[in-house]
Amino acid sequence: MREAARLSQISTSMIRRMFEIVERAKKEGREIISLTIGEPDFDTPQEVVERACRAMNAGFTHYTSNFGLEELRSAIAERYGVDSSNVMVTAGGSEALLNASLAFIEEGSKVVIPSPNFLSYFTYAKMCGGQIVQLRTHDNGFLPNVEKLNEIIDRNVSVIFLNYPNNPTGAVIDEKDARAIVEIAADNKAIVVSDEIYDQIYYDVKPTSLAGYENVVCVNGFSKSLSMTGWRIGFTIADEKLIDPMLKVHQVNGVCAPAFAQKAVAEVMAEGLFYSIVSKMVREFRQRRDYLYSELSKIYDVVKPEGAFYMFVNVNQDCMEYTENLIKLGVAVTPGLPFGDGNETYVRISYANSHENLKRAAEIIREYESQRA
C-alpha cells in the first residue's frame, strides 16, 4: 500500500510540526514561549459566541445552500461592493483556496508564487500537478517586482497566488502594483488568487482588495478578523463564471460552512459590531508589533510589518539550526524554509502572544545572540 503519487513531493506542514514539538515539550514539563502558530491568541468575541448559541437553539444546525446563508452573503457583498451572486461561503479560507486550486490549476501548467509566502500555496500547486515558478521578493521589501513578473509570465501560467497582508512577512502591496499584476495576468489568460485573510489586520497602510476583477478569485474569511479559527467560516468573491467551477469542488468538498456560525457572523455584521471588535484586537497587535520591532531591529535586519501579526526575520544563520537552538532556551519560532526559496536564514515570528511573553522571548533572543557573538 502506498500514497498517491501526487502527494509524493508534499511534506507535513512545518507550522504544524512546530506546534507538535511545542506541545510535546510542554508535556515534558518545559516552559516554551510559542511564537509559531498563525492564529490570534484572543478567544472568539462573546458577541459572536452568544449569537451562535442563539442560532443553534433556533435550529441553525443543518445544511445551508452550498453558496451559504443569503444574509451573510449579502453582508459580505455590501462590504466589498459586489453582488451577492459573486459570493460563496466556504468551510474556512483553506477550503476556498483548495477549491480555487482544483478549479483553475491545469496539470502541467505554471503556478507563480512570490517568495516568501504562505506555505500551503506550494502544496496546492503540487497537488494539482502544477509547475511552481517562484518570484523572489527579498530585495523589494517582500513585495513582488512587477517588471520581474512580466519577464517570467507567459500563456502557460494558470494561477498567480497573492497574499497581502502577507504571511509570513506582514508586507502590504500598494494598489498600483496589485492592479498591474491583475492586468498582466489577464493579458496572459491567468487567474489571480488573492488571499486577503488578513485584510482587517493592518496598521499604517490600508490593504487593497482585488475583489471584483474579472480574473480574480478573492479568498477571505473570519478566522483572523474575529478570532474564529476553529469555526471554519471562509468565503470567495469572484465573477460568476469563476464561481461555477469552484462550486463543482465545494459541493463535494466543504459542502457548506456551519449554519449557526454563518448566522452569528451575519448578525454581527448587520448590527455594526464587526469593525469595533476588530479594532480592539488590532490596537493590541499594533502595540506588540511596535515593541517587538523595536527590540529585534536592534539585533537583526527586520522589515517592519504593515499587516497581519508576523515578522520575517533574517537571523544570518541556518534557520533550522537557529530554531533548534532557540527552542532549547524556551522560545519556539518557525523556520523560513517552508515559505519558499531564498529563506534559508529567515524565521517567522508570530506576535500573537501576550506582551509579557514577547518581552521574555526578546530577552532570550538577545541572550542567545550575545553568546553567539
Protein backbone atom coordinates (compact mmCIF):
# COMPACT_ATOMS: atom_id res chain seq x y z
CA MET A 1 0.00 0.00 0.00
CA ARG A 2 1.32 3.46 -0.85
CA GLU A 3 0.12 7.01 -1.04
CA ALA A 4 -0.94 8.59 -4.31
CA ALA A 5 1.94 9.87 -6.45
CA ARG A 6 0.56 13.41 -6.35
CA LEU A 7 1.44 13.54 -2.64
CA SER A 8 4.99 12.25 -3.00
CA GLN A 9 6.53 15.75 -3.02
CA ILE A 10 4.42 17.06 -0.16
CA SER A 11 5.56 17.00 3.46
CA THR A 12 3.67 17.69 6.66
CA SER A 13 3.33 21.41 7.38
CA MET A 14 6.35 22.80 9.22
CA ILE A 15 4.00 25.03 11.21
CA ARG A 16 2.01 22.01 12.37
CA ARG A 17 5.21 20.15 13.19
CA MET A 18 6.45 23.06 15.29
CA PHE A 19 3.11 23.09 17.09
CA GLU A 20 3.55 19.41 17.94
CA ILE A 21 7.13 19.99 19.11
CA VAL A 22 5.95 22.75 21.43
CA GLU A 23 3.13 20.61 22.80
CA ARG A 24 5.49 17.70 23.41
CA ALA A 25 7.94 19.98 25.25
CA LYS A 26 5.13 21.30 27.45
CA LYS A 27 4.09 17.75 28.33
CA GLU A 28 7.68 17.12 29.39
CA GLY A 29 7.35 19.99 31.83
CA ARG A 30 9.42 22.52 29.87
CA GLU A 31 8.28 26.13 29.63
CA ILE A 32 8.07 27.15 25.99
CA ILE A 33 7.03 30.54 24.62
CA SER A 34 5.49 29.65 21.27
CA LEU A 35 5.80 32.29 18.57
CA THR A 36 4.85 29.82 15.84
CA ILE A 37 1.14 29.43 15.39
CA GLY A 38 -0.79 31.57 12.93
CA GLU A 39 -3.92 32.50 14.84
CA PRO A 40 -4.93 35.31 17.16
CA ASP A 41 -4.41 34.48 20.82
CA PHE A 42 -7.77 36.03 21.68
CA ASP A 43 -10.89 33.98 22.32
CA THR A 44 -13.77 34.36 19.89
CA PRO A 45 -15.64 37.51 21.00
CA GLN A 46 -18.68 36.98 23.22
CA GLU A 47 -20.78 38.91 20.70
CA VAL A 48 -20.19 36.07 18.24
CA VAL A 49 -20.49 33.22 20.73
CA GLU A 50 -23.80 34.46 22.12
CA ARG A 51 -25.32 34.82 18.67
CA ALA A 52 -24.06 31.38 17.64
CA CYS A 53 -25.66 29.77 20.71
CA ARG A 54 -28.90 31.57 19.93
CA ALA A 55 -28.73 30.36 16.34
CA MET A 56 -28.19 26.74 17.41
CA ASN A 57 -31.18 26.91 19.72
CA ALA A 58 -33.19 28.36 16.84
CA GLY A 59 -32.39 25.35 14.65
CA PHE A 60 -29.42 26.58 12.59
CA THR A 61 -27.78 23.15 12.83
CA HIS A 62 -28.47 21.78 9.35
CA TYR A 63 -27.08 22.15 5.83
CA THR A 64 -27.31 25.52 4.20
CA SER A 65 -27.16 26.18 0.48
CA ASN A 66 -23.76 25.39 -0.99
CA PHE A 67 -23.45 29.14 -1.53
CA GLY A 68 -24.12 29.90 2.15
CA LEU A 69 -26.78 31.86 4.02
CA GLU A 70 -28.09 34.70 1.89
CA GLU A 71 -27.92 37.22 4.73
CA LEU A 72 -24.20 36.54 5.24
CA ARG A 73 -23.50 36.64 1.52
CA SER A 74 -25.35 39.96 1.27
CA ALA A 75 -23.38 41.42 4.18
CA ILE A 76 -20.10 40.36 2.60
CA ALA A 77 -21.18 41.65 -0.81
CA GLU A 78 -22.07 45.04 0.66
CA ARG A 79 -18.66 45.29 2.35
CA TYR A 80 -16.83 44.70 -0.95
CA GLY A 81 -19.20 46.47 -3.32
CA VAL A 82 -20.18 43.38 -5.30
CA ASP A 83 -23.38 41.43 -5.87
CA SER A 84 -24.22 38.55 -3.52
CA SER A 85 -24.21 36.23 -6.56
CA ASN A 86 -20.44 36.75 -6.59
CA VAL A 87 -20.04 35.43 -3.03
CA MET A 88 -19.77 31.82 -1.91
CA VAL A 89 -19.31 30.91 1.76
CA THR A 90 -16.84 28.07 2.41
CA ALA A 91 -15.65 25.90 5.28
CA GLY A 92 -12.75 28.22 6.07
CA GLY A 93 -10.37 30.11 3.83
CA SER A 94 -8.28 26.98 3.31
CA GLU A 95 -11.19 25.21 1.66
CA ALA A 96 -11.71 28.21 -0.60
CA LEU A 97 -8.04 28.10 -1.61
CA LEU A 98 -8.20 24.39 -2.36
CA ASN A 99 -11.41 24.86 -4.37
CA ALA A 100 -9.76 27.56 -6.47
CA SER A 101 -6.61 25.48 -6.96
CA LEU A 102 -8.51 22.41 -8.15
CA ALA A 103 -10.73 24.54 -10.34
CA PHE A 104 -8.03 26.52 -12.14
CA ILE A 105 -4.60 24.90 -11.90
CA GLU A 106 -4.27 22.77 -15.02
CA GLU A 107 -1.90 19.82 -14.68
CA GLY A 108 1.48 20.76 -16.13
CA SER A 109 0.73 24.49 -16.12
CA LYS A 110 2.86 27.07 -14.31
CA VAL A 111 1.83 28.49 -10.95
CA VAL A 112 3.51 31.74 -9.91
CA ILE A 113 4.12 32.16 -6.17
CA PRO A 114 6.05 35.13 -4.75
CA SER A 115 8.58 34.05 -2.11
CA PRO A 116 8.36 34.20 0.85
CA ASN A 117 4.71 33.21 1.00
CA PHE A 118 2.15 31.10 2.83
CA LEU A 119 3.41 27.53 2.60
CA SER A 120 0.05 25.99 1.61
CA TYR A 121 0.17 27.59 -1.85
CA PHE A 122 3.12 25.38 -2.70
CA THR A 123 1.17 22.35 -1.51
CA TYR A 124 -1.91 23.23 -3.56
CA ALA A 125 0.19 23.69 -6.68
CA LYS A 126 1.92 20.33 -6.20
CA MET A 127 -1.34 18.51 -5.50
CA CYS A 128 -2.75 19.83 -8.76
CA GLY A 129 0.33 18.88 -10.78
CA GLY A 130 1.40 22.45 -11.42
CA GLN A 131 4.93 23.67 -12.09
CA ILE A 132 5.87 26.18 -9.39
CA VAL A 133 7.61 29.36 -10.52
CA GLN A 134 8.83 31.45 -7.60
CA LEU A 135 9.24 35.21 -7.72
CA ARG A 136 11.69 36.26 -5.01
CA THR A 137 10.81 39.47 -3.20
CA HIS A 138 13.62 39.82 -0.63
CA ASP A 139 15.23 42.82 -2.36
CA ASN A 140 11.94 44.71 -2.68
CA GLY A 141 10.60 44.85 0.88
CA PHE A 142 8.95 41.45 0.40
CA LEU A 143 6.77 42.82 -2.40
CA PRO A 144 6.65 41.43 -5.95
CA ASN A 145 8.53 43.37 -8.60
CA VAL A 146 6.02 43.90 -11.41
CA GLU A 147 8.72 44.10 -14.08
CA LYS A 148 10.22 40.78 -12.97
CA LEU A 149 6.76 39.21 -13.03
CA ASN A 150 6.31 40.45 -16.58
CA GLU A 151 9.53 38.68 -17.53
CA ILE A 152 8.55 35.27 -16.19
CA ILE A 153 4.84 35.10 -17.05
CA ASP A 154 3.53 33.52 -20.23
CA ARG A 155 0.40 31.82 -21.57
CA ASN A 156 1.27 28.61 -19.71
CA VAL A 157 0.67 30.27 -16.33
CA SER A 158 -2.70 29.21 -14.94
CA VAL A 159 -2.66 30.83 -11.50
CA ILE A 160 -0.80 33.57 -9.61
CA PHE A 161 -1.09 33.44 -5.82
CA LEU A 162 -1.08 36.76 -3.97
CA ASN A 163 -1.37 37.20 -0.21
CA TYR A 164 -1.45 40.73 1.22
CA PRO A 165 -1.18 41.49 4.06
CA ASN A 166 1.36 38.72 3.75
CA ASN A 167 2.06 35.63 5.79
CA PRO A 168 4.94 35.36 6.80
CA THR A 169 6.21 38.94 6.30
CA GLY A 170 3.33 41.30 7.13
CA ALA A 171 4.03 43.19 3.89
CA VAL A 172 1.15 45.13 2.26
CA ILE A 173 1.14 45.69 -1.50
CA ASP A 174 0.10 49.08 -2.89
CA GLU A 175 -2.92 49.45 -5.15
CA LYS A 176 -0.94 50.38 -8.27
CA ASP A 177 1.22 47.25 -8.20
CA ALA A 178 -1.71 45.00 -7.27
CA ARG A 179 -3.73 46.22 -10.24
CA ALA A 180 -0.73 45.92 -12.54
CA ILE A 181 -0.36 42.25 -11.57
CA VAL A 182 -4.05 41.63 -12.29
CA GLU A 183 -3.67 43.25 -15.73
CA ILE A 184 -0.55 41.20 -16.54
CA ALA A 185 -2.39 38.05 -15.52
CA ALA A 186 -5.41 38.98 -17.67
CA ASP A 187 -3.17 39.58 -20.70
CA ASN A 188 -1.89 36.03 -20.28
CA LYS A 189 -5.29 34.43 -19.51
CA ALA A 190 -4.22 33.63 -15.93
CA ILE A 191 -6.28 33.68 -12.75
CA VAL A 192 -5.12 35.67 -9.73
CA VAL A 193 -5.99 34.04 -6.41
CA SER A 194 -5.87 36.90 -3.93
CA ASP A 195 -5.78 35.60 -0.36
CA GLU A 196 -6.92 38.53 1.77
CA ILE A 197 -7.48 36.72 5.05
CA TYR A 198 -5.53 39.39 6.99
CA ASP A 199 -7.17 42.38 5.29
CA GLN A 200 -8.67 43.70 8.54
CA ILE A 201 -5.42 43.42 10.50
CA TYR A 202 -3.32 46.33 9.30
CA TYR A 203 -1.52 49.30 10.84
CA ASP A 204 -0.32 52.30 8.84
CA VAL A 205 -1.01 51.12 5.28
CA LYS A 206 -4.55 50.04 4.36
CA PRO A 207 -4.58 46.93 2.13
CA THR A 208 -6.13 46.98 -1.33
CA SER A 209 -8.79 44.38 -2.10
CA LEU A 210 -8.84 42.84 -5.56
CA ALA A 211 -12.44 41.71 -5.21
CA GLY A 212 -14.50 42.47 -8.30
CA TYR A 213 -11.91 41.94 -11.04
CA GLU A 214 -12.99 39.56 -13.79
CA ASN A 215 -9.92 37.29 -13.49
CA VAL A 216 -9.54 37.40 -9.70
CA VAL A 217 -10.68 34.93 -7.08
CA CYS A 218 -10.68 36.78 -3.77
CA VAL A 219 -10.36 34.48 -0.75
CA ASN A 220 -11.14 35.64 2.77
CA GLY A 221 -12.81 34.59 5.98
CA PHE A 222 -13.33 35.37 9.65
CA SER A 223 -10.69 33.14 11.24
CA LYS A 224 -8.29 36.02 11.84
CA SER A 225 -10.52 39.11 11.96
CA LEU A 226 -12.97 37.64 14.50
CA SER A 227 -10.58 35.11 16.05
CA MET A 228 -12.72 32.22 14.77
CA THR A 229 -10.09 29.79 13.52
CA GLY A 230 -11.96 26.74 14.83
CA TRP A 231 -15.33 27.80 13.44
CA ARG A 232 -14.38 27.43 9.75
CA ILE A 233 -16.06 30.37 8.08
CA GLY A 234 -14.44 31.50 4.85
CA PHE A 235 -15.65 32.90 1.56
CA THR A 236 -14.73 33.57 -2.04
CA ILE A 237 -15.64 36.57 -4.16
CA ALA A 238 -15.42 36.05 -7.89
CA ASP A 239 -17.15 36.55 -11.20
CA GLU A 240 -19.99 34.06 -11.65
CA LYS A 241 -18.10 32.27 -14.42
CA LEU A 242 -15.32 31.60 -11.88
CA ILE A 243 -17.67 30.74 -9.02
CA ASP A 244 -19.23 27.88 -11.00
CA PRO A 245 -16.03 25.78 -11.40
CA MET A 246 -15.25 26.26 -7.70
CA LEU A 247 -18.80 25.23 -6.79
CA LYS A 248 -18.17 21.89 -8.51
CA VAL A 249 -15.40 21.25 -5.97
CA HIS A 250 -17.10 22.88 -2.98
CA GLN A 251 -20.29 20.82 -3.29
CA VAL A 252 -18.31 17.60 -2.71
CA ASN A 253 -15.56 19.05 -0.53
CA GLY A 254 -16.74 21.56 2.09
CA VAL A 255 -20.46 21.33 1.16
CA CYS A 256 -21.27 24.27 3.45
CA ALA A 257 -19.89 26.11 6.46
CA PRO A 258 -21.60 25.57 9.84
CA ALA A 259 -25.02 27.21 9.70
CA PHE A 260 -25.00 28.59 13.26
CA ALA A 261 -21.58 30.20 12.71
CA GLN A 262 -22.73 31.78 9.46
CA LYS A 263 -25.81 33.18 11.21
CA ALA A 264 -23.74 34.59 14.08
CA VAL A 265 -21.31 36.39 11.76
CA ALA A 266 -24.16 37.72 9.62
CA GLU A 267 -25.79 39.26 12.70
CA VAL A 268 -22.53 40.75 13.98
CA MET A 269 -22.03 42.41 10.59
CA ALA A 270 -25.64 43.56 10.27
CA GLU A 271 -25.62 45.10 13.75
CA GLY A 272 -22.45 47.10 13.04
CA LEU A 273 -20.33 45.26 15.59
CA PHE A 274 -17.72 43.82 13.24
CA TYR A 275 -15.34 46.77 12.99
CA SER A 276 -15.44 47.64 16.69
CA ILE A 277 -14.48 44.05 17.53
CA VAL A 278 -11.64 44.03 15.01
CA SER A 279 -10.31 47.43 16.01
CA LYS A 280 -9.77 46.35 19.64
CA MET A 281 -7.69 43.40 18.53
CA VAL A 282 -5.70 45.45 16.02
CA ARG A 283 -4.82 48.04 18.67
CA GLU A 284 -3.28 45.30 20.78
CA PHE A 285 -1.43 43.81 17.81
CA ARG A 286 -0.04 47.24 16.94
CA GLN A 287 1.43 47.64 20.42
CA ARG A 288 3.01 44.21 20.21
CA ARG A 289 4.37 44.87 16.73
CA ASP A 290 5.90 48.16 17.78
CA TYR A 291 7.55 46.61 20.82
CA LEU A 292 8.92 43.55 19.06
CA TYR A 293 10.12 45.53 16.05
CA SER A 294 11.92 47.95 18.35
CA GLU A 295 13.69 45.09 20.11
CA LEU A 296 14.51 42.83 17.17
CA SER A 297 15.65 45.61 14.84
CA LYS A 298 18.49 46.25 17.30
CA ILE A 299 19.76 42.74 16.57
CA TYR A 300 18.61 41.77 13.08
CA ASP A 301 17.68 43.18 9.71
CA VAL A 302 13.88 43.39 10.02
CA VAL A 303 11.29 44.76 7.59
CA LYS A 304 8.56 46.40 9.65
CA PRO A 305 5.27 44.59 9.02
CA GLU A 306 2.28 46.68 7.95
CA GLY A 307 -0.32 43.94 8.44
CA ALA A 308 -1.07 40.50 9.88
CA PHE A 309 0.83 39.53 13.06
CA TYR A 310 4.15 38.17 11.81
CA MET A 311 7.73 39.31 11.33
CA PHE A 312 10.03 37.55 8.90
CA VAL A 313 13.49 37.98 10.33
CA ASN A 314 16.88 37.36 8.74
CA VAL A 315 18.85 35.79 11.60
CA ASN A 316 22.01 35.26 9.48
CA GLN A 317 22.16 31.62 10.48
CA ASP A 318 20.76 28.38 9.09
CA CYS A 319 17.11 28.65 10.07
CA MET A 320 16.83 25.03 11.20
CA GLU A 321 19.89 25.33 13.42
CA TYR A 322 18.65 28.63 14.84
CA THR A 323 15.20 27.20 15.55
CA GLU A 324 16.61 24.13 17.27
CA ASN A 325 18.96 26.21 19.43
CA LEU A 326 16.26 28.68 20.40
CA ILE A 327 13.72 26.07 21.43
CA LYS A 328 16.29 24.62 23.84
CA LEU A 329 16.26 28.05 25.52
CA GLY A 330 12.47 28.12 25.70
CA VAL A 331 11.35 30.02 22.58
CA ALA A 332 9.78 28.43 19.50
CA VAL A 333 9.78 30.16 16.12
CA THR A 334 9.09 28.82 12.62
CA PRO A 335 11.97 28.13 10.18
CA GLY A 336 11.80 30.05 6.92
CA LEU A 337 12.38 27.11 4.56
CA PRO A 338 8.72 26.15 4.01
CA PHE A 339 7.86 29.67 2.85
CA GLY A 340 9.77 29.35 -0.42
CA ASP A 341 13.20 29.79 -2.00
CA GLY A 342 15.75 32.19 -0.56
CA ASN A 343 14.55 31.88 3.03
CA GLU A 344 17.28 29.63 4.42
CA THR A 345 18.40 32.20 7.01
CA TYR A 346 14.96 33.55 7.89
CA VAL A 347 12.48 32.67 10.63
CA ARG A 348 8.86 33.65 11.07
CA ILE A 349 7.97 35.14 14.44
CA SER A 350 4.31 35.45 15.36
CA TYR A 351 3.45 38.17 17.85
CA ALA A 352 0.03 36.67 18.53
CA ASN A 353 1.10 36.21 22.13
CA SER A 354 0.97 38.25 25.34
CA HIS A 355 3.19 41.29 25.81
CA GLU A 356 4.73 39.56 28.82
CA ASN A 357 5.71 36.53 26.75
CA LEU A 358 7.02 38.70 23.92
CA LYS A 359 9.20 40.61 26.38
CA ARG A 360 10.64 37.39 27.80
CA ALA A 361 11.17 35.96 24.31
CA ALA A 362 13.06 39.09 23.24
CA GLU A 363 15.30 38.76 26.29
CA ILE A 364 16.07 35.14 25.45
CA ILE A 365 16.85 36.03 21.83
CA ARG A 366 19.18 38.82 22.96
CA GLU A 367 20.95 36.42 25.32
CA TYR A 368 21.29 33.85 22.58
CA GLU A 369 22.79 36.35 20.16
CA SER A 370 25.21 37.73 22.74
CA GLN A 371 26.50 34.19 23.37
CA ARG A 372 26.71 33.50 19.63
CA ALA A 373 28.77 36.67 19.13
